[in-house]
Amino acid sequence: MSRVLHLIAAATLALLAVPATAQDEVTFGTDWLAQAEHGGYYQALADGTYEKYGLKVTIRQGGPQNANRALLTGGQVQFYMGGMIQSLDAAQEGIPTYTIASIFQKSPTILMAHPESGFKTLDDLAGASKYILGKDRFITYFRWLQSRNPAFVDEKYEPYTFNPGPFLADPQAIQQGFLTSEPFEIERQAGWTPDVFLLADNGYLTYSTTIEVMKPWYDAHKDIAKRFVEASIIGWYNYLYGDNSAANALIKADNPEMTDGQLAYSLSKLKEHGIIVSGDAADKGIGCMTDARWQKVYQQFVDVGLFKPGVDISQAYTTELVCQGLGKELVK
């Protein structure tokens, strides 16, 4: 073999010995135990979408003992499944968290009533015997409820302890919940289906299940953030409309108490009520956020005293990675 051929062969072997492009390793912290509401992220992990985008993603599930938001601010996770109110609060307090996408166009927050209660509208719920709510709900959407209907009174508030017993025992009580979970559990335990009032369909405008980062990290790693958002969007389309069995297997591996029945129920409600694909996301793709919507939500909570006027909410979020129609062709 000539010297030239030897050199070509050696160069070829050297190229073959070089590993594929190194993947950027990142950790995504969720807000609770693995469930269908996290399905798109698990889908992107299971079907190789994150890998295709040059990412090695670890999903760190949340839960009672996992303070993933604190890990975000401490730099131990790069992405966090956040919420709009927390982001606005951080902007008010000068904490540099930054929302870069919102997977849920609608908050799945609900109030539940007994079917025999006679309550037909959201405003009717003011007449309930008790409002069973978590403390954080009491200072956020309950104040919003009062702003639209003063008949909701503080005296009927009762703390929610994640035990449905008090609600089940009182036919005139109402209780907080999420569209995708509590009604399923009530039906499983009690054998009847509660009436559900979705706040998002009654003017409660918050985005939900956002992707949040620290702004200094984002400014230094915008390409990684862009790839994570785009891969997650594709993952969500495939989870909603494709074969999600591998993703569900990963969810159940992380959360062994999760059942196929709960997963199927949650997915059906996400789709039925347009929690993910509706509004701006219907035309501009999953994850879409707008300045106008952020401003409206901020003003809603200024009006009820949760936030001070004059906060620079542009420090809370950016829309530059979303609303570009990515993945729309995957809707089936």
Protein backbone atom coordinates (compact mmCIF):
# COMPACT_ATOMS: atom_id res chain seq x y z
CA MET A 1 0.00 0.00 0.00
CA SER A 2 1.34 3.42 -0.92
CA ARG A 3 2.15 6.02 1.71
CA VAL A 4 -0.83 8.08 0.54
CA LEU A 5 -3.18 5.12 1.00
CA HIS A 6 -1.67 4.45 4.43
CA LEU A 7 -2.35 8.05 5.41
CA ILE A 8 -5.93 7.89 4.11
CA ALA A 9 -6.54 4.61 5.97
CA ALA A 10 -5.08 6.02 9.17
CA ALA A 11 -7.18 9.16 8.88
CA THR A 12 -10.30 7.07 8.29
CA LEU A 13 -9.60 4.93 11.35
CA ALA A 14 -9.02 8.04 13.40
CA LEU A 15 -12.35 9.48 12.33
CA LEU A 16 -14.12 6.23 13.16
CA ALA A 17 -12.52 6.27 16.59
CA VAL A 18 -13.92 9.72 17.37
CA PRO A 19 -17.18 9.36 19.31
CA ALA A 20 -20.41 10.91 18.08
CA THR A 21 -20.91 14.54 18.98
CA ALA A 22 -20.83 14.77 22.75
CA GLN A 23 -24.24 15.21 24.30
CA ASP A 24 -24.93 18.08 26.66
CA GLU A 25 -25.96 16.65 30.02
CA VAL A 26 -28.84 18.42 31.75
CA THR A 27 -31.30 17.65 34.53
CA PHE A 28 -34.98 18.50 34.43
CA GLY A 29 -36.76 18.71 37.79
CA THR A 30 -40.50 18.08 37.78
CA ASP A 31 -43.00 19.46 40.28
CA TRP A 32 -44.44 16.16 41.49
CA LEU A 33 -44.22 12.39 41.19
CA ALA A 34 -44.13 11.01 37.64
CA GLN A 35 -47.54 11.09 35.93
CA ALA A 36 -49.19 11.66 32.57
CA GLU A 37 -48.97 15.40 33.14
CA HIS A 38 -45.20 14.91 32.64
CA GLY A 39 -45.64 12.55 29.73
CA GLY A 40 -44.07 14.55 26.94
CA TYR A 41 -40.75 14.78 28.74
CA TYR A 42 -40.69 11.05 29.36
CA GLN A 43 -41.69 10.52 25.72
CA ALA A 44 -38.74 12.57 24.47
CA LEU A 45 -36.48 10.52 26.73
CA ALA A 46 -37.98 7.16 25.76
CA ASP A 47 -38.08 7.62 21.99
CA GLY A 48 -34.66 9.26 21.62
CA THR A 49 -35.83 12.77 20.80
CA TYR A 50 -33.61 14.36 23.43
CA GLU A 51 -30.69 12.32 22.13
CA LYS A 52 -31.46 13.45 18.59
CA TYR A 53 -31.22 17.02 19.81
CA GLY A 54 -27.80 16.36 21.33
CA LEU A 55 -28.99 16.13 24.92
CA LYS A 56 -28.53 13.61 27.70
CA VAL A 57 -31.46 14.39 29.95
CA THR A 58 -32.04 13.16 33.49
CA ILE A 59 -35.59 13.63 34.79
CA ARG A 60 -35.61 14.22 38.53
CA GLN A 61 -39.15 13.72 39.71
CA GLY A 62 -40.61 15.97 42.34
CA GLY A 63 -42.72 15.02 45.32
CA PRO A 64 -43.11 15.71 49.01
CA GLN A 65 -39.40 15.33 49.77
CA ASN A 66 -37.92 16.80 46.59
CA ALA A 67 -37.48 20.57 46.51
CA ASN A 68 -36.60 20.81 42.84
CA ARG A 69 -37.28 24.54 42.60
CA ALA A 70 -34.65 25.12 45.28
CA LEU A 71 -32.29 22.92 43.29
CA LEU A 72 -32.90 25.12 40.24
CA THR A 73 -31.99 28.31 42.09
CA GLY A 74 -29.02 26.48 43.58
CA GLY A 75 -27.77 25.45 40.14
CA GLN A 76 -28.18 21.71 40.65
CA VAL A 77 -30.84 21.31 37.98
CA GLN A 78 -30.88 23.26 34.73
CA PHE A 79 -34.60 23.07 33.92
CA TYR A 80 -37.60 23.06 36.22
CA MET A 81 -41.31 22.43 35.72
CA GLY A 82 -42.53 25.72 37.10
CA GLY A 83 -45.62 27.87 37.32
CA MET A 84 -46.56 31.34 36.21
CA ILE A 85 -47.40 32.73 39.64
CA GLN A 86 -44.06 31.57 41.06
CA SER A 87 -42.25 33.20 38.14
CA LEU A 88 -44.05 36.51 38.66
CA ASP A 89 -43.29 36.36 42.37
CA ALA A 90 -39.62 35.76 41.59
CA ALA A 91 -39.59 38.80 39.29
CA GLN A 92 -41.13 40.89 42.06
CA GLU A 93 -38.47 39.70 44.50
CA GLY A 94 -35.58 40.10 42.05
CA ILE A 95 -34.85 36.37 41.79
CA PRO A 96 -33.54 35.64 38.26
CA THR A 97 -35.67 32.65 37.31
CA TYR A 98 -36.83 32.72 33.68
CA THR A 99 -39.76 30.95 32.01
CA ILE A 100 -38.93 29.89 28.46
CA ALA A 101 -42.03 27.86 27.47
CA SER A 102 -45.44 26.90 28.80
CA ILE A 103 -46.52 23.39 27.94
CA PHE A 104 -50.06 23.82 29.32
CA GLN A 105 -52.09 26.60 27.72
CA LYS A 106 -54.70 26.11 30.43
CA SER A 107 -54.23 25.44 34.10
CA PRO A 108 -55.87 22.09 34.97
CA THR A 109 -57.00 23.58 38.31
CA ILE A 110 -60.60 22.70 39.18
CA LEU A 111 -63.17 22.91 41.91
CA MET A 112 -65.31 19.82 42.49
CA ALA A 113 -68.86 19.53 43.81
CA HIS A 114 -71.25 16.68 44.54
CA PRO A 115 -73.62 16.06 41.63
CA GLU A 116 -76.62 16.47 43.94
CA SER A 117 -75.41 19.84 45.26
CA GLY A 118 -77.39 21.83 42.70
CA PHE A 119 -74.36 23.95 41.76
CA LYS A 120 -74.44 24.66 38.03
CA THR A 121 -71.95 27.49 37.54
CA LEU A 122 -68.68 28.59 39.08
CA ASP A 123 -70.43 31.44 40.86
CA ASP A 124 -72.92 28.99 42.38
CA LEU A 125 -70.04 27.44 44.31
CA ALA A 126 -69.96 30.47 46.59
CA GLY A 127 -73.00 28.93 48.27
CA ALA A 128 -71.13 25.78 49.32
CA SER A 129 -71.01 24.87 53.00
CA LYS A 130 -67.19 24.85 52.98
CA TYR A 131 -64.34 25.49 50.56
CA ILE A 132 -61.68 22.81 51.01
CA LEU A 133 -58.49 24.37 49.61
CA GLY A 134 -54.76 24.29 50.13
CA LYS A 135 -53.22 27.43 51.62
CA ASP A 136 -51.52 28.39 48.36
CA ARG A 137 -54.85 28.10 46.50
CA PHE A 138 -56.52 30.24 49.13
CA ILE A 139 -54.13 33.15 48.50
CA THR A 140 -54.16 32.82 44.70
CA TYR A 141 -57.20 31.65 42.83
CA PHE A 142 -59.58 31.98 45.80
CA ARG A 143 -58.74 35.69 45.90
CA TRP A 144 -59.43 35.79 42.18
CA LEU A 145 -62.79 34.11 42.79
CA GLN A 146 -63.64 36.72 45.41
CA SER A 147 -62.75 39.53 43.01
CA ARG A 148 -65.37 38.29 40.56
CA ASN A 149 -67.93 37.28 43.19
CA PRO A 150 -67.78 38.68 46.76
CA ALA A 151 -70.16 35.92 47.87
CA PHE A 152 -67.08 33.70 48.27
CA VAL A 153 -66.27 34.38 51.93
CA ASP A 154 -63.19 33.57 54.00
CA GLU A 155 -65.26 32.06 56.80
CA LYS A 156 -66.04 28.97 54.73
CA TYR A 157 -62.39 28.16 54.02
CA GLU A 158 -61.17 24.81 55.32
CA PRO A 159 -57.57 23.61 54.78
CA TYR A 160 -57.12 20.74 52.36
CA THR A 161 -55.05 17.89 53.82
CA PHE A 162 -55.02 15.74 50.65
CA ASN A 163 -57.65 13.54 52.27
CA PRO A 164 -60.96 13.56 50.35
CA GLY A 165 -62.88 12.38 53.40
CA PRO A 166 -64.29 15.78 54.46
CA PHE A 167 -65.46 16.48 50.90
CA LEU A 168 -67.04 13.06 50.49
CA ALA A 169 -68.86 13.42 53.81
CA ASP A 170 -70.50 16.77 53.03
CA PRO A 171 -72.75 16.94 49.94
CA GLN A 172 -72.63 20.76 49.98
CA ALA A 173 -68.84 21.07 50.24
CA ILE A 174 -66.51 21.92 47.36
CA GLN A 175 -62.87 20.88 47.05
CA GLN A 176 -59.84 21.87 45.01
CA GLY A 177 -58.29 19.46 42.54
CA PHE A 178 -56.70 18.93 39.17
CA LEU A 179 -58.76 17.95 36.18
CA THR A 180 -56.47 15.01 35.51
CA SER A 181 -56.40 13.37 38.92
CA GLU A 182 -58.84 14.09 41.79
CA PRO A 183 -62.07 13.34 39.87
CA PHE A 184 -60.64 9.94 38.93
CA GLU A 185 -59.78 9.21 42.55
CA ILE A 186 -63.20 10.32 43.82
CA GLU A 187 -64.91 8.04 41.33
CA ARG A 188 -62.59 5.18 42.30
CA GLN A 189 -63.18 5.60 46.02
CA ALA A 190 -66.82 6.69 46.14
CA GLY A 191 -68.30 5.21 42.98
CA TRP A 192 -69.73 8.50 41.70
CA THR A 193 -68.42 11.23 39.42
CA PRO A 194 -68.06 14.74 40.84
CA ASP A 195 -69.16 17.82 38.95
CA VAL A 196 -66.05 19.60 37.74
CA PHE A 197 -65.55 23.34 37.24
CA LEU A 198 -62.39 24.15 35.27
CA LEU A 199 -61.20 27.60 36.31
CA ALA A 200 -59.43 28.15 32.99
CA ASP A 201 -62.79 28.04 31.20
CA ASN A 202 -64.08 30.77 33.50
CA GLY A 203 -61.44 33.44 33.02
CA TYR A 204 -58.55 32.16 35.13
CA LEU A 205 -55.77 32.82 32.63
CA THR A 206 -52.58 31.39 34.10
CA TYR A 207 -50.27 29.25 32.03
CA SER A 208 -49.23 26.03 33.72
CA THR A 209 -46.47 23.41 33.58
CA THR A 210 -43.85 25.82 32.36
CA ILE A 211 -40.18 25.24 31.60
CA GLU A 212 -38.11 27.44 33.86
CA VAL A 213 -34.38 28.15 34.03
CA MET A 214 -32.09 30.58 35.78
CA LYS A 215 -31.55 33.61 33.57
CA PRO A 216 -27.75 33.79 33.97
CA TRP A 217 -27.54 30.13 32.94
CA TYR A 218 -29.89 30.79 30.01
CA ASP A 219 -27.83 33.71 28.76
CA ALA A 220 -24.74 31.47 28.75
CA HIS A 221 -26.42 28.34 27.33
CA LYS A 222 -29.19 29.55 25.04
CA ASP A 223 -28.52 26.86 22.44
CA ILE A 224 -28.96 24.08 25.02
CA ALA A 225 -32.16 25.70 26.26
CA LYS A 226 -33.48 25.97 22.70
CA ARG A 227 -32.79 22.31 22.00
CA PHE A 228 -34.41 21.22 25.26
CA VAL A 229 -37.56 23.23 24.57
CA GLU A 230 -37.83 21.99 20.99
CA ALA A 231 -37.24 18.34 21.91
CA SER A 232 -39.78 18.61 24.73
CA ILE A 233 -42.36 20.07 22.35
CA ILE A 234 -41.86 17.17 19.94
CA GLY A 235 -42.07 14.79 22.88
CA TRP A 236 -45.40 16.23 23.92
CA TYR A 237 -46.91 15.92 20.45
CA ASN A 238 -45.79 12.31 20.27
CA TYR A 239 -47.08 11.56 23.75
CA LEU A 240 -50.49 13.01 22.95
CA TYR A 241 -50.90 11.59 19.45
CA GLY A 242 -48.41 8.74 19.02
CA ASP A 243 -47.35 5.53 20.71
CA ASN A 244 -46.70 6.53 24.32
CA SER A 245 -46.26 3.07 25.79
CA ALA A 246 -42.51 3.41 26.35
CA ALA A 247 -42.99 6.79 28.04
CA ASN A 248 -45.67 5.36 30.31
CA ALA A 249 -43.34 2.51 31.23
CA LEU A 250 -40.73 5.05 32.34
CA ILE A 251 -43.35 6.97 34.31
CA LYS A 252 -44.39 3.80 36.15
CA ALA A 253 -40.75 2.89 36.79
CA ASP A 254 -40.21 6.26 38.49
CA ASN A 255 -43.57 6.17 40.26
CA PRO A 256 -44.59 2.55 40.93
CA GLU A 257 -47.94 3.63 42.39
CA MET A 258 -49.05 5.02 39.03
CA THR A 259 -51.62 2.86 37.22
CA ASP A 260 -52.52 2.39 33.59
CA GLY A 261 -56.05 3.52 34.43
CA GLN A 262 -54.86 6.82 35.91
CA LEU A 263 -52.51 7.43 32.98
CA ALA A 264 -55.27 6.83 30.43
CA TYR A 265 -57.72 9.04 32.34
CA SER A 266 -55.26 11.90 32.65
CA LEU A 267 -54.30 11.78 28.99
CA SER A 268 -57.95 11.77 27.90
CA LYS A 269 -58.67 14.88 30.01
CA LEU A 270 -55.60 16.72 28.74
CA LYS A 271 -56.85 16.21 25.19
CA GLU A 272 -60.59 16.62 25.80
CA HIS A 273 -60.22 20.02 27.47
CA GLY A 274 -57.41 21.41 25.32
CA ILE A 275 -55.07 21.79 28.26
CA ILE A 276 -52.02 21.58 25.98
CA VAL A 277 -53.25 22.17 22.43
CA SER A 278 -55.64 25.12 22.42
CA GLY A 279 -55.54 28.89 22.16
CA ASP A 280 -52.27 30.18 20.76
CA ALA A 281 -50.78 26.68 20.82
CA ALA A 282 -53.37 25.44 18.31
CA ASP A 283 -51.90 27.70 15.62
CA LYS A 284 -48.39 28.35 16.85
CA GLY A 285 -47.42 25.10 18.52
CA ILE A 286 -47.19 23.58 21.97
CA GLY A 287 -45.30 25.76 24.43
CA CYS A 288 -46.49 29.08 23.00
CA MET A 289 -46.69 32.12 25.30
CA THR A 290 -47.53 35.75 24.55
CA ASP A 291 -46.66 39.06 26.16
CA ALA A 292 -50.34 40.00 26.24
CA ARG A 293 -51.29 36.91 28.24
CA TRP A 294 -48.48 37.44 30.75
CA GLN A 295 -49.58 41.03 31.22
CA LYS A 296 -53.23 40.03 31.73
CA VAL A 297 -52.36 37.43 34.35
CA TYR A 298 -50.06 39.83 36.16
CA GLN A 299 -52.82 42.45 36.21
CA GLN A 300 -55.35 39.91 37.52
CA PHE A 301 -53.16 39.34 40.54
CA VAL A 302 -52.25 42.98 41.02
CA ASP A 303 -55.98 43.63 41.24
CA VAL A 304 -56.39 41.10 44.08
CA GLY A 305 -53.30 42.29 45.94
CA LEU A 306 -50.99 39.35 45.30
CA PHE A 307 -48.42 41.43 43.40
CA LYS A 308 -47.34 45.05 43.54
CA PRO A 309 -47.97 47.28 40.52
CA GLY A 310 -44.99 48.33 38.47
CA VAL A 311 -43.06 45.03 38.46
CA ASP A 312 -40.95 44.56 35.32
CA ILE A 313 -42.48 41.24 34.31
CA SER A 314 -40.24 41.01 31.24
CA GLN A 315 -37.66 39.70 33.73
CA ALA A 316 -39.88 36.67 34.35
CA TYR A 317 -40.02 35.14 30.88
CA THR A 318 -39.09 35.15 27.20
CA THR A 319 -41.10 34.09 24.16
CA GLU A 320 -38.14 33.82 21.80
CA LEU A 321 -38.00 30.00 21.78
CA VAL A 322 -41.70 29.28 21.21
CA CYS A 323 -44.72 30.07 19.00
CA GLN A 324 -42.92 28.95 15.83
CA GLY A 325 -45.28 26.13 14.84
CA LEU A 326 -42.83 23.34 15.64
CA GLY A 327 -44.44 19.88 15.60
CA LYS A 328 -47.93 20.87 14.46
CA GLU A 329 -47.80 18.26 11.71
CA LEU A 330 -47.77 15.55 14.40
CA VAL A 331 -51.35 16.24 15.49
CA LYS A 332 -53.57 13.32 14.57
